[in-house]
C-alpha atoms as a PDB file:
ATOM      1  CA  UNK A   1     -44.213  84.119 138.682  1.00  0.00           C
ATOM      2  CA  UNK A   2     -46.131  80.980 139.687  1.00  0.00           C
ATOM      3  CA  UNK A   3     -45.787  77.569 138.005  1.00  0.00           C
ATOM      4  CA  UNK A   4     -48.690  78.572 135.775  1.00  0.00           C
ATOM      5  CA  UNK A   5     -48.820  81.775 133.796  1.00  0.00           C
ATOM      6  CA  UNK A   6     -51.829  83.468 135.401  1.00  0.00           C
ATOM      7  CA  UNK A   7     -53.788  85.447 132.863  1.00  0.00           C
ATOM      8  CA  UNK A   8     -56.436  88.107 133.239  1.00  0.00           C
ATOM      9  CA  UNK A   9     -58.828  88.738 130.342  1.00  0.00           C
ATOM     10  CA  UNK A  10     -60.544  92.097 129.889  1.00  0.00           C
ATOM     11  CA  UNK A  11     -63.621  91.663 127.711  1.00  0.00           C
ATOM     12  CA  UNK A  12     -65.815  88.564 127.704  1.00  0.00           C
ATOM     13  CA  UNK A  13     -67.512  89.028 124.346  1.00  0.00           C
ATOM     14  CA  UNK A  14     -67.044  86.673 121.402  1.00  0.00           C
ATOM     15  CA  UNK A  15     -63.321  87.337 121.045  1.00  0.00           C
ATOM     16  CA  UNK A  16     -62.489  87.377 124.757  1.00  0.00           C
ATOM     17  CA  UNK A  17     -64.559  84.262 125.459  1.00  0.00           C
ATOM     18  CA  UNK A  18     -62.854  82.412 122.623  1.00  0.00           C
ATOM     19  CA  UNK A  19     -59.419  83.400 123.926  1.00  0.00           C
ATOM     20  CA  UNK A  20     -60.392  82.059 127.345  1.00  0.00           C
ATOM     21  CA  UNK A  21     -61.546  78.763 125.806  1.00  0.00           C
ATOM     22  CA  UNK A  22     -58.338  78.443 123.809  1.00  0.00           C
ATOM     23  CA  UNK A  23     -56.125  79.243 126.779  1.00  0.00           C
ATOM     24  CA  UNK A  24     -57.882  76.746 129.029  1.00  0.00           C
ATOM     25  CA  UNK A  25     -58.136  73.904 126.508  1.00  0.00           C
ATOM     26  CA  UNK A  26     -55.226  74.231 124.098  1.00  0.00           C
ATOM     27  CA  UNK A  27     -52.397  76.256 125.677  1.00  0.00           C
ATOM     28  CA  UNK A  28     -50.577  74.345 128.423  1.00  0.00           C
ATOM     29  CA  UNK A  29     -49.014  76.022 131.421  1.00  0.00           C
ATOM     30  CA  UNK A  30     -51.643  78.749 131.687  1.00  0.00           C
ATOM     31  CA  UNK A  31     -54.591  79.557 133.931  1.00  0.00           C
ATOM     32  CA  UNK A  32     -57.209  82.249 133.411  1.00  0.00           C
ATOM     33  CA  UNK A  33     -57.533  83.626 136.940  1.00  0.00           C
ATOM     34  CA  UNK A  34     -59.506  86.845 136.381  1.00  0.00           C
ATOM     35  CA  UNK A  35     -62.130  88.006 133.863  1.00  0.00           C
ATOM     36  CA  UNK A  36     -63.725  91.423 133.598  1.00  0.00           C
ATOM     37  CA  UNK A  37     -66.598  92.624 131.446  1.00  0.00           C
ATOM     38  CA  UNK A  38     -69.155  95.379 131.926  1.00  0.00           C
ATOM     39  CA  UNK A  39     -71.744  92.628 131.503  1.00  0.00           C
ATOM     40  CA  UNK A  40     -71.239  90.946 134.884  1.00  0.00           C
ATOM     41  CA  UNK A  41     -73.383  87.947 133.967  1.00  0.00           C
ATOM     42  CA  UNK A  42     -71.322  87.325 130.875  1.00  0.00           C
ATOM     43  CA  UNK A  43     -68.079  87.755 132.810  1.00  0.00           C
ATOM     44  CA  UNK A  44     -69.241  85.244 135.420  1.00  0.00           C
ATOM     45  CA  UNK A  45     -70.147  82.658 132.787  1.00  0.00           C
ATOM     46  CA  UNK A  46     -66.757  82.936 131.109  1.00  0.00           C
ATOM     47  CA  UNK A  47     -64.794  83.044 134.368  1.00  0.00           C
ATOM     48  CA  UNK A  48     -66.654  80.078 135.859  1.00  0.00           C
ATOM     49  CA  UNK A  49     -65.971  77.940 132.803  1.00  0.00           C
ATOM     50  CA  UNK A  50     -62.266  78.682 133.236  1.00  0.00           C
ATOM     51  CA  UNK A  51     -62.368  78.185 137.043  1.00  0.00           C
ATOM     52  CA  UNK A  52     -61.373  81.807 137.454  1.00  0.00           C
ATOM     53  CA  UNK A  53     -62.917  84.764 139.267  1.00  0.00           C
ATOM     54  CA  UNK A  54     -64.706  87.906 138.148  1.00  0.00           C
ATOM     55  CA  UNK A  55     -62.827  91.177 138.661  1.00  0.00           C
ATOM     56  CA  UNK A  56     -64.708  94.259 139.829  1.00  0.00           C
ATOM     57  CA  UNK A  57     -62.998  96.453 137.217  1.00  0.00           C
ATOM     58  CA  UNK A  58     -60.409  96.308 134.470  1.00  0.00           C
ATOM     59  CA  UNK A  59     -58.045  98.291 136.695  1.00  0.00           C
ATOM     60  CA  UNK A  60     -58.441  95.797 139.525  1.00  0.00           C
ATOM     61  CA  UNK A  61     -57.727  92.923 137.133  1.00  0.00           C
ATOM     62  CA  UNK A  62     -54.567  94.532 135.761  1.00  0.00           C
ATOM     63  CA  UNK A  63     -53.282  95.318 139.241  1.00  0.00           C
ATOM     64  CA  UNK A  64     -54.146  91.933 140.766  1.00  0.00           C
ATOM     65  CA  UNK A  65     -51.346  89.917 142.327  1.00  0.00           C
ATOM     66  CA  UNK A  66     -53.101  86.864 140.834  1.00  0.00           C
ATOM     67  CA  UNK A  67     -52.498  88.089 137.261  1.00  0.00           C
ATOM     68  CA  UNK A  68     -49.114  87.809 135.542  1.00  0.00           C
ATOM     69  CA  UNK A  69     -50.195  88.824 132.035  1.00  0.00           C
ATOM     70  CA  UNK A  70     -53.247  90.404 130.453  1.00  0.00           C
ATOM     71  CA  UNK A  71     -55.363  89.885 127.332  1.00  0.00           C
ATOM     72  CA  UNK A  72     -57.301  92.975 126.214  1.00  0.00           C
ATOM     73  CA  UNK A  73     -60.376  92.026 124.170  1.00  0.00           C
ATOM     74  CA  UNK A  74     -62.658  94.904 125.105  1.00  0.00           C
ATOM     75  CA  UNK A  75     -64.147  97.516 122.705  1.00  0.00           C
ATOM     76  CA  UNK A  76     -61.612  99.261 120.460  1.00  0.00           C
ATOM     77  CA  UNK A  77     -62.011 102.639 122.170  1.00  0.00           C
ATOM     78  CA  UNK A  78     -60.717 101.190 125.467  1.00  0.00           C
ATOM     79  CA  UNK A  79     -57.568  99.529 124.123  1.00  0.00           C
ATOM     80  CA  UNK A  80     -54.995 102.297 124.428  1.00  0.00           C
ATOM     81  CA  UNK A  81     -55.787 103.215 128.044  1.00  0.00           C
ATOM     82  CA  UNK A  82     -55.874  99.564 129.153  1.00  0.00           C
ATOM     83  CA  UNK A  83     -52.540  98.827 127.485  1.00  0.00           C
ATOM     84  CA  UNK A  84     -51.020 101.899 129.145  1.00  0.00           C
ATOM     85  CA  UNK A  85     -52.246 100.544 132.503  1.00  0.00           C
ATOM     86  CA  UNK A  86     -50.555  97.203 131.767  1.00  0.00           C
ATOM     87  CA  UNK A  87     -47.310  99.017 130.959  1.00  0.00           C
ATOM     88  CA  UNK A  88     -47.544 100.939 134.226  1.00  0.00           C
ATOM     89  CA  UNK A  89     -48.019  97.622 136.042  1.00  0.00           C
ATOM     90  CA  UNK A  90     -45.076  96.043 134.187  1.00  0.00           C
ATOM     91  CA  UNK A  91     -47.196  93.198 132.808  1.00  0.00           C
ATOM     92  CA  UNK A  92     -47.062  91.654 129.323  1.00  0.00           C
ATOM     93  CA  UNK A  93     -50.250  92.340 127.379  1.00  0.00           C
ATOM     94  CA  UNK A  94     -51.814  90.910 124.246  1.00  0.00           C
ATOM     95  CA  UNK A  95     -54.131  93.588 122.877  1.00  0.00           C
ATOM     96  CA  UNK A  96     -56.649  92.712 120.205  1.00  0.00           C
ATOM     97  CA  UNK A  97     -56.396  94.867 117.112  1.00  0.00           C
ATOM     98  CA  UNK A  98     -56.486  97.780 116.732  1.00  0.00           C
ATOM     99  CA  UNK A  99     -53.999  98.989 119.314  1.00  0.00           C
ATOM    100  CA  UNK A 100     -55.912 102.279 119.371  1.00  0.00           C
ATOM    101  CA  UNK A 101     -58.578 104.159 117.475  1.00  0.00           C
ATOM    102  CA  UNK A 102     -56.202 106.897 116.314  1.00  0.00           C
ATOM    103  CA  UNK A 103     -52.526 107.064 115.430  1.00  0.00           C
ATOM    104  CA  UNK A 104     -52.011 109.646 118.186  1.00  0.00           C
ATOM    105  CA  UNK A 105     -53.338 107.235 120.820  1.00  0.00           C
ATOM    106  CA  UNK A 106     -51.205 104.397 119.445  1.00  0.00           C
ATOM    107  CA  UNK A 107     -48.133 106.630 119.554  1.00  0.00           C
ATOM    108  CA  UNK A 108     -48.809 107.297 123.254  1.00  0.00           C
ATOM    109  CA  UNK A 109     -48.511 103.552 123.816  1.00  0.00           C
ATOM    110  CA  UNK A 110     -45.281 103.366 121.823  1.00  0.00           C
ATOM    111  CA  UNK A 111     -43.778 106.251 123.787  1.00  0.00           C
ATOM    112  CA  UNK A 112     -44.811 104.706 127.110  1.00  0.00           C
ATOM    113  CA  UNK A 113     -43.265 101.375 126.181  1.00  0.00           C
ATOM    114  CA  UNK A 114     -40.055 103.047 125.050  1.00  0.00           C
ATOM    115  CA  UNK A 115     -39.939 104.781 128.442  1.00  0.00           C
ATOM    116  CA  UNK A 116     -40.269 101.387 130.166  1.00  0.00           C
ATOM    117  CA  UNK A 117     -37.316 100.205 128.104  1.00  0.00           C
ATOM    118  CA  UNK A 118     -38.540  96.729 127.123  1.00  0.00           C
ATOM    119  CA  UNK A 119     -41.275  95.279 124.977  1.00  0.00           C
ATOM    120  CA  UNK A 120     -44.392  94.257 126.865  1.00  0.00           C
ATOM    121  CA  UNK A 121     -47.091  94.942 124.238  1.00  0.00           C
ATOM    122  CA  UNK A 122     -48.186  92.533 121.530  1.00  0.00           C
ATOM    123  CA  UNK A 123     -50.972  93.432 119.097  1.00  0.00           C
ATOM    124  CA  UNK A 124     -53.439  90.766 117.975  1.00  0.00           C
ATOM    125  CA  UNK A 125     -52.562  90.659 114.287  1.00  0.00           C
ATOM    126  CA  UNK A 126     -53.172  86.908 114.327  1.00  0.00           C
ATOM    127  CA  UNK A 127     -52.852  86.470 110.543  1.00  0.00           C
ATOM    128  CA  UNK A 128     -49.083  86.506 111.096  1.00  0.00           C
ATOM    129  CA  UNK A 129     -49.603  83.128 112.822  1.00  0.00           C
ATOM    130  CA  UNK A 130     -52.011  81.606 110.306  1.00  0.00           C
ATOM    131  CA  UNK A 131     -50.393  78.588 108.552  1.00  0.00           C
ATOM    132  CA  UNK A 132     -51.506  79.813 105.128  1.00  0.00           C
ATOM    133  CA  UNK A 133     -50.176  83.336 105.580  1.00  0.00           C
ATOM    134  CA  UNK A 134     -46.947  82.004 107.122  1.00  0.00           C
ATOM    135  CA  UNK A 135     -46.375  79.783 104.091  1.00  0.00           C
ATOM    136  CA  UNK A 136     -47.215  82.680 101.776  1.00  0.00           C
ATOM    137  CA  UNK A 137     -44.636  84.902 103.487  1.00  0.00           C
ATOM    138  CA  UNK A 138     -42.028  82.128 103.253  1.00  0.00           C
ATOM    139  CA  UNK A 139     -42.722  81.837  99.518  1.00  0.00           C
ATOM    140  CA  UNK A 140     -42.297  85.582  99.028  1.00  0.00           C
ATOM    141  CA  UNK A 141     -39.098  85.640 101.115  1.00  0.00           C
ATOM    142  CA  UNK A 142     -37.612  82.720  99.137  1.00  0.00           C
ATOM    143  CA  UNK A 143     -37.501  84.836  95.988  1.00  0.00           C
ATOM    144  CA  UNK A 144     -39.362  82.181  93.997  1.00  0.00           C
ATOM    145  CA  UNK A 145     -41.908  84.764  92.795  1.00  0.00           C
ATOM    146  CA  UNK A 146     -39.242  87.153  91.562  1.00  0.00           C
ATOM    147  CA  UNK A 147     -39.806  90.828  92.293  1.00  0.00           C
ATOM    148  CA  UNK A 148     -43.223  91.382  93.857  1.00  0.00           C
ATOM    149  CA  UNK A 149     -45.325  93.793  91.837  1.00  0.00           C
ATOM    150  CA  UNK A 150     -48.883  93.480  93.211  1.00  0.00           C
ATOM    151  CA  UNK A 151     -50.686  92.006  96.215  1.00  0.00           C
ATOM    152  CA  UNK A 152     -54.443  91.441  95.985  1.00  0.00           C
ATOM    153  CA  UNK A 153     -56.520  91.140  99.175  1.00  0.00           C
ATOM    154  CA  UNK A 154     -60.200  90.381  99.783  1.00  0.00           C
ATOM    155  CA  UNK A 155     -61.822  90.602 103.228  1.00  0.00           C
ATOM    156  CA  UNK A 156     -65.569  89.999 103.426  1.00  0.00           C
ATOM    157  CA  UNK A 157     -67.894  89.408 106.364  1.00  0.00           C
ATOM    158  CA  UNK A 158     -71.487  88.230 106.213  1.00  0.00           C
ATOM    159  CA  UNK A 159     -72.310  91.176 108.491  1.00  0.00           C
ATOM    160  CA  UNK A 160     -70.647  93.336 111.107  1.00  0.00           C
ATOM    161  CA  UNK A 161     -71.947  94.788 114.350  1.00  0.00           C
ATOM    162  CA  UNK A 162     -68.674  96.589 115.152  1.00  0.00           C
ATOM    163  CA  UNK A 163     -67.470  98.196 111.897  1.00  0.00           C
ATOM    164  CA  UNK A 164     -70.515 100.431 111.492  1.00  0.00           C
ATOM    165  CA  UNK A 165     -68.992 103.643 110.116  1.00  0.00           C
ATOM    166  CA  UNK A 166     -66.745 104.393 107.168  1.00  0.00           C
ATOM    167  CA  UNK A 167     -63.743 105.150 109.405  1.00  0.00           C
ATOM    168  CA  UNK A 168     -64.639 102.120 111.543  1.00  0.00           C
ATOM    169  CA  UNK A 169     -64.329  99.798 108.547  1.00  0.00           C
ATOM    170  CA  UNK A 170     -60.769 101.059 108.065  1.00  0.00           C
ATOM    171  CA  UNK A 171     -59.673 101.008 111.714  1.00  0.00           C
ATOM    172  CA  UNK A 172     -61.589  97.888 112.742  1.00  0.00           C
ATOM    173  CA  UNK A 173     -61.512  95.614 109.668  1.00  0.00           C
ATOM    174  CA  UNK A 174     -59.157  96.782 106.909  1.00  0.00           C
ATOM    175  CA  UNK A 175     -56.454  97.320 109.506  1.00  0.00           C
ATOM    176  CA  UNK A 176     -55.728  93.576 109.276  1.00  0.00           C
ATOM    177  CA  UNK A 177     -54.683  93.951 105.639  1.00  0.00           C
ATOM    178  CA  UNK A 178     -52.834  97.187 106.344  1.00  0.00           C
ATOM    179  CA  UNK A 179     -50.611  95.222 108.693  1.00  0.00           C
ATOM    180  CA  UNK A 180     -50.501  91.981 106.705  1.00  0.00           C
ATOM    181  CA  UNK A 181     -49.301  93.508 103.434  1.00  0.00           C
ATOM    182  CA  UNK A 182     -46.456  95.350 105.194  1.00  0.00           C
ATOM    183  CA  UNK A 183     -45.505  92.131 107.017  1.00  0.00           C
ATOM    184  CA  UNK A 184     -45.688  89.926 103.922  1.00  0.00           C
ATOM    185  CA  UNK A 185     -43.394  92.221 101.937  1.00  0.00           C
ATOM    186  CA  UNK A 186     -41.205  93.513 104.790  1.00  0.00           C
ATOM    187  CA  UNK A 187     -42.078  96.973 103.527  1.00  0.00           C
ATOM    188  CA  UNK A 188     -44.043 100.082 104.482  1.00  0.00           C
ATOM    189  CA  UNK A 189     -47.191 101.639 103.079  1.00  0.00           C
ATOM    190  CA  UNK A 190     -46.292 105.178 102.028  1.00  0.00           C
ATOM    191  CA  UNK A 191     -49.556 106.329 100.402  1.00  0.00           C
ATOM    192  CA  UNK A 192     -53.043 105.075  99.565  1.00  0.00           C
ATOM    193  CA  UNK A 193     -56.377 105.802  97.982  1.00  0.00           C
ATOM    194  CA  UNK A 194     -59.648 104.516  99.458  1.00  0.00           C
ATOM    195  CA  UNK A 195     -62.938 104.588  97.549  1.00  0.00           C
ATOM    196  CA  UNK A 196     -66.445 103.178  97.874  1.00  0.00           C
ATOM    197  CA  UNK A 197     -69.215 102.771  95.300  1.00  0.00           C
ATOM    198  CA  UNK A 198     -71.726 103.753  97.997  1.00  0.00           C
ATOM    199  CA  UNK A 199     -72.261 107.504  98.044  1.00  0.00           C
ATOM    200  CA  UNK A 200     -75.129 107.715 100.576  1.00  0.00           C
ATOM    201  CA  UNK A 201     -75.082 105.772 103.843  1.00  0.00           C
ATOM    202  CA  UNK A 202     -72.379 103.393 105.048  1.00  0.00           C
ATOM    203  CA  UNK A 203     -69.493 103.342 102.514  1.00  0.00           C
ATOM    204  CA  UNK A 204     -69.340  99.558 102.295  1.00  0.00           C
ATOM    205  CA  UNK A 205     -67.595  97.957 100.427  1.00  0.00           C
ATOM    206  CA  UNK A 206     -64.344  99.907 100.325  1.00  0.00           C
ATOM    207  CA  UNK A 207     -61.488  99.470  97.874  1.00  0.00           C
ATOM    208  CA  UNK A 208     -58.010 100.655  98.806  1.00  0.00           C
ATOM    209  CA  UNK A 209     -54.903 100.909  96.638  1.00  0.00           C
ATOM    210  CA  UNK A 210     -51.715 100.898  98.705  1.00  0.00           C
ATOM    211  CA  UNK A 211     -48.353 102.182  97.507  1.00  0.00           C
ATOM    212  CA  UNK A 212     -45.388 100.449  99.119  1.00  0.00           C
ATOM    213  CA  UNK A 213     -42.021 102.084  99.771  1.00  0.00           C
ATOM    214  CA  UNK A 214     -40.169  99.747  97.360  1.00  0.00           C
ATOM    215  CA  UNK A 215     -42.665 100.268  94.551  1.00  0.00           C
ATOM    216  CA  UNK A 216     -45.144  97.403  94.801  1.00  0.00           C
ATOM    217  CA  UNK A 217     -48.889  98.058  94.802  1.00  0.00           C
ATOM    218  CA  UNK A 218     -51.558  96.322  96.853  1.00  0.00           C
ATOM    219  CA  UNK A 219     -55.317  96.262  96.497  1.00  0.00           C
ATOM    220  CA  UNK A 220     -57.604  95.691  99.458  1.00  0.00           C
ATOM    221  CA  UNK A 221     -61.334  95.103  99.116  1.00  0.00           C
ATOM    222  CA  UNK A 222     -63.201  95.094 102.412  1.00  0.00           C
ATOM    223  CA  UNK A 223     -66.937  94.348 102.412  1.00  0.00           C
ATOM    224  CA  UNK A 224     -68.202  93.959 105.979  1.00  0.00           C
ATOM    225  CA  UNK A 225     -71.817  93.265 105.006  1.00  0.00           C
ATOM    226  CA  UNK A 226     -71.315  90.951 102.024  1.00  0.00           C
ATOM    227  CA  UNK A 227     -74.137  88.694 103.207  1.00  0.00           C
ATOM    228  CA  UNK A 228     -72.937  85.317 101.970  1.00  0.00           C
ATOM    229  CA  UNK A 229     -70.247  84.466 104.546  1.00  0.00           C
ATOM    230  CA  UNK A 230     -66.712  85.090 105.781  1.00  0.00           C
ATOM    231  CA  UNK A 231     -64.206  85.148 102.945  1.00  0.00           C
ATOM    232  CA  UNK A 232     -60.512  86.087 103.100  1.00  0.00           C
ATOM    233  CA  UNK A 233     -58.178  85.843 100.118  1.00  0.00           C
ATOM    234  CA  UNK A 234     -54.656  86.981  99.306  1.00  0.00           C
ATOM    235  CA  UNK A 235     -52.548  86.638  96.155  1.00  0.00           C
ATOM    236  CA  UNK A 236     -49.003  87.880  95.658  1.00  0.00           C
ATOM    237  CA  UNK A 237     -48.004  88.559  92.035  1.00  0.00           C
ATOM    238  CA  UNK A 238     -44.330  88.639  91.102  1.00  0.00           C
ATOM    239  CA  UNK A 239     -42.216  88.800  87.965  1.00  0.00           C
ATOM    240  CA  UNK A 240     -41.605  85.030  88.071  1.00  0.00           C
ATOM    241  CA  UNK A 241     -44.957  83.710  89.320  1.00  0.00           C
ATOM    242  CA  UNK A 242     -47.789  84.099  91.788  1.00  0.00           C
ATOM    243  CA  UNK A 243     -48.762  82.584  95.130  1.00  0.00           C
ATOM    244  CA  UNK A 244     -52.159  82.649  96.819  1.00  0.00           C
ATOM    245  CA  UNK A 245     -53.912  81.349  99.893  1.00  0.00           C
ATOM    246  CA  UNK A 246     -55.635  78.065  99.092  1.00  0.00           C
ATOM    247  CA  UNK A 247     -59.415  77.757  99.679  1.00  0.00           C
ATOM    248  CA  UNK A 248     -60.005  76.440 103.184  1.00  0.00           C
ATOM    249  CA  UNK A 249     -63.133  74.175 102.926  1.00  0.00           C
ATOM    250  CA  UNK A 250     -61.825  70.572 102.914  1.00  0.00           C
ATOM    251  CA  UNK A 251     -64.959  69.018 101.394  1.00  0.00           C
ATOM    252  CA  UNK A 252     -66.804  69.694  98.145  1.00  0.00           C
ATOM    253  CA  UNK A 253     -70.328  68.301  97.742  1.00  0.00           C
ATOM    254  CA  UNK A 254     -72.568  67.403  94.804  1.00  0.00           C
ATOM    255  CA  UNK A 255     -76.158  67.336  96.023  1.00  0.00           C
ATOM    256  CA  UNK A 256     -79.448  67.843  94.176  1.00  0.00           C
ATOM    257  CA  UNK A 257     -77.699  68.905  91.017  1.00  0.00           C
ATOM    258  CA  UNK A 258     -75.489  71.471  92.704  1.00  0.00           C
ATOM    259  CA  UNK A 259     -71.734  71.262  93.255  1.00  0.00           C
ATOM    260  CA  UNK A 260     -70.183  73.501  95.883  1.00  0.00           C
ATOM    261  CA  UNK A 261     -68.380  74.084  99.177  1.00  0.00           C
ATOM    262  CA  UNK A 262     -69.669  75.576 102.384  1.00  0.00           C
ATOM    263  CA  UNK A 263     -68.743  79.174 103.161  1.00  0.00           C
ATOM    264  CA  UNK A 264     -68.790  79.729 106.917  1.00  0.00           C
ATOM    265  CA  UNK A 265     -69.585  83.082 108.517  1.00  0.00           C
ATOM    266  CA  UNK A 266     -67.462  82.741 111.680  1.00  0.00           C
ATOM    267  CA  UNK A 267     -64.105  84.527 111.508  1.00  0.00           C
ATOM    268  CA  UNK A 268     -63.023  83.009 114.832  1.00  0.00           C
ATOM    269  CA  UNK A 269     -63.430  79.471 113.495  1.00  0.00           C
ATOM    270  CA  UNK A 270     -61.765  80.446 110.198  1.00  0.00           C
ATOM    271  CA  UNK A 271     -58.605  81.539 112.022  1.00  0.00           C
ATOM    272  CA  UNK A 272     -58.765  79.051 114.924  1.00  0.00           C
ATOM    273  CA  UNK A 273     -55.271  77.696 114.191  1.00  0.00           C
ATOM    274  CA  UNK A 274     -53.884  81.227 114.015  1.00  0.00           C
ATOM    275  CA  UNK A 275     -55.401  82.241 117.348  1.00  0.00           C
ATOM    276  CA  UNK A 276     -54.080  79.091 119.015  1.00  0.00           C
ATOM    277  CA  UNK A 277     -50.564  79.651 117.651  1.00  0.00           C
ATOM    278  CA  UNK A 278     -50.714  83.330 118.591  1.00  0.00           C
ATOM    279  CA  UNK A 279     -51.701  82.615 122.191  1.00  0.00           C
ATOM    280  CA  UNK A 280     -49.138  79.833 122.518  1.00  0.00           C
ATOM    281  CA  UNK A 281     -46.321  82.098 121.304  1.00  0.00           C
ATOM    282  CA  UNK A 282     -47.489  85.016 123.440  1.00  0.00           C
ATOM    283  CA  UNK A 283     -47.708  82.996 126.652  1.00  0.00           C
ATOM    284  CA  UNK A 284     -44.279  81.487 126.033  1.00  0.00           C
ATOM    285  CA  UNK A 285     -42.752  84.943 125.692  1.00  0.00           C
ATOM    286  CA  UNK A 286     -44.794  86.362 128.582  1.00  0.00           C
ATOM    287  CA  UNK A 287     -43.466  83.629 130.865  1.00  0.00           C
ATOM    288  CA  UNK A 288     -39.996  84.979 130.094  1.00  0.00           C
ATOM    289  CA  UNK A 289     -41.205  88.472 130.961  1.00  0.00           C
ATOM    290  CA  UNK A 290     -41.821  90.016 127.555  1.00  0.00           C
ATOM    291  CA  UNK A 291     -43.329  89.578 124.094  1.00  0.00           C
ATOM    292  CA  UNK A 292     -41.925  88.821 120.637  1.00  0.00           C
ATOM    293  CA  UNK A 293     -44.921  89.093 118.292  1.00  0.00           C
ATOM    294  CA  UNK A 294     -46.471  92.043 116.442  1.00  0.00           C
ATOM    295  CA  UNK A 295     -45.315  95.082 118.392  1.00  0.00           C
ATOM    296  CA  UNK A 296     -46.789  98.323 119.602  1.00  0.00           C
ATOM    297  CA  UNK A 297     -44.865  99.906 116.727  1.00  0.00           C
ATOM    298  CA  UNK A 298     -46.664  97.597 114.279  1.00  0.00           C
ATOM    299  CA  UNK A 299     -49.944  98.665 115.865  1.00  0.00           C
ATOM    300  CA  UNK A 300     -49.021 102.330 115.526  1.00  0.00           C
ATOM    301  CA  UNK A 301     -47.884 101.878 111.912  1.00  0.00           C
ATOM    302  CA  UNK A 302     -51.189 100.224 110.981  1.00  0.00           C
ATOM    303  CA  UNK A 303     -53.114 102.989 112.747  1.00  0.00           C
ATOM    304  CA  UNK A 304     -51.132 105.624 110.847  1.00  0.00           C
ATOM    305  CA  UNK A 305     -52.045 103.999 107.520  1.00  0.00           C
ATOM    306  CA  UNK A 306     -55.680 103.633 108.591  1.00  0.00           C
ATOM    307  CA  UNK A 307     -55.797 107.304 109.571  1.00  0.00           C
ATOM    308  CA  UNK A 308     -54.457 108.309 106.158  1.00  0.00           C
ATOM    309  CA  UNK A 309     -57.050 105.969 104.653  1.00  0.00           C
ATOM    310  CA  UNK A 310     -59.866 107.721 106.470  1.00  0.00           C
ATOM    311  CA  UNK A 311     -58.621 111.044 105.080  1.00  0.00           C
ATOM    312  CA  UNK A 312     -58.435 109.536 101.586  1.00  0.00           C
ATOM    313  CA  UNK A 313     -61.962 108.120 101.834  1.00  0.00           C
ATOM    314  CA  UNK A 314     -63.262 111.530 102.910  1.00  0.00           C
ATOM    315  CA  UNK A 315     -61.386 113.587 100.319  1.00  0.00           C
ATOM    316  CA  UNK A 316     -61.461 111.153  97.410  1.00  0.00           C
ATOM    317  CA  UNK A 317     -57.772 111.839  96.856  1.00  0.00           C
ATOM    318  CA  UNK A 318     -54.485 109.997  97.306  1.00  0.00           C
ATOM    319  CA  UNK A 319     -53.138 110.451 100.833  1.00  0.00           C
ATOM    320  CA  UNK A 320     -49.568 110.062 102.042  1.00  0.00           C
ATOM    321  CA  UNK A 321     -48.848 108.297 105.343  1.00  0.00           C
ATOM    322  CA  UNK A 322     -47.107 110.248 108.097  1.00  0.00           C
ATOM    323  CA  UNK A 323     -45.142 108.374 110.756  1.00  0.00           C
ATOM    324  CA  UNK A 324     -42.619 109.327 113.391  1.00  0.00           C
ATOM    325  CA  UNK A 325     -39.187 107.659 113.144  1.00  0.00           C
ATOM    326  CA  UNK A 326     -39.071 104.062 114.406  1.00  0.00           C
ATOM    327  CA  UNK A 327     -37.567 103.942 117.944  1.00  0.00           C
ATOM    328  CA  UNK A 328     -34.536 101.728 118.540  1.00  0.00           C
ATOM    329  CA  UNK A 329     -36.648  99.466 120.783  1.00  0.00           C
ATOM    330  CA  UNK A 330     -38.367  98.212 117.629  1.00  0.00           C
ATOM    331  CA  UNK A 331     -35.282  97.916 115.439  1.00  0.00           C
ATOM    332  CA  UNK A 332     -35.657  95.272 112.725  1.00  0.00           C
ATOM    333  CA  UNK A 333     -33.208  92.372 112.715  1.00  0.00           C
END
């Protein structure tokens, strides 16, 4: 490996472009050497800004001798195959969520990584790096809240151009909470119900009730076309107290008889600190030849819950979550 960790980025849309900006301006010891996107003009703009080059294909980028590690930020349907290509090339990869569209595809990635024998795949569940969520998890782990009984989650976007179907809202948006709740509680989702008040057209918003293995319940409201802005909340309720994410706007105004705070609509800006910490941790581990963040197993587990959620939304009934046994490669502790 060269003095710099040479990174190739597949996907130059909003997420990929922001990762390139963060890597080139805020993560030392890295260089974005290759960028690929089906939109060649877009790829050239992003690559030029990073002083990198445009790859002719995703496969060429992954196989390039000028790329040590790969970021996958392309459309969800391409994730599993691109990650499998990175595993075949022996290169660490940070794959934006979801790891795959279906649990079966995600399991293919898990099985391929197990066959390699070492962890090379990290999934972009960046909330695990957000300072607020990190502090919330520390509070839960300290025992200060007593026994956790309920976790409440809200996830609203002003609008969405990617989560455009009922299943897509689960696999593309709610999947964040499906991972976060399990991570916060060090527990597994074993069953869930998913409902929507919208009977005709896009079932948005959706309300899920998650049953955890150790008995806690979690609610998740996802509203991808809420209109007013980007809004993420989480509260953990225990037998001795509660803990919640604090509101993020640092300034409150009183103008023309109205008191209030601004609600932004940019999820990338909202989680800028989380993305920076995520990329910093990933590149540090990749330099050592592996990864140590959210794993392919975590991606598969979230996909398995999302898949059960899709079935629950369709049937209107409680759905249990089926998973294969956790391989030793992903042993906890």
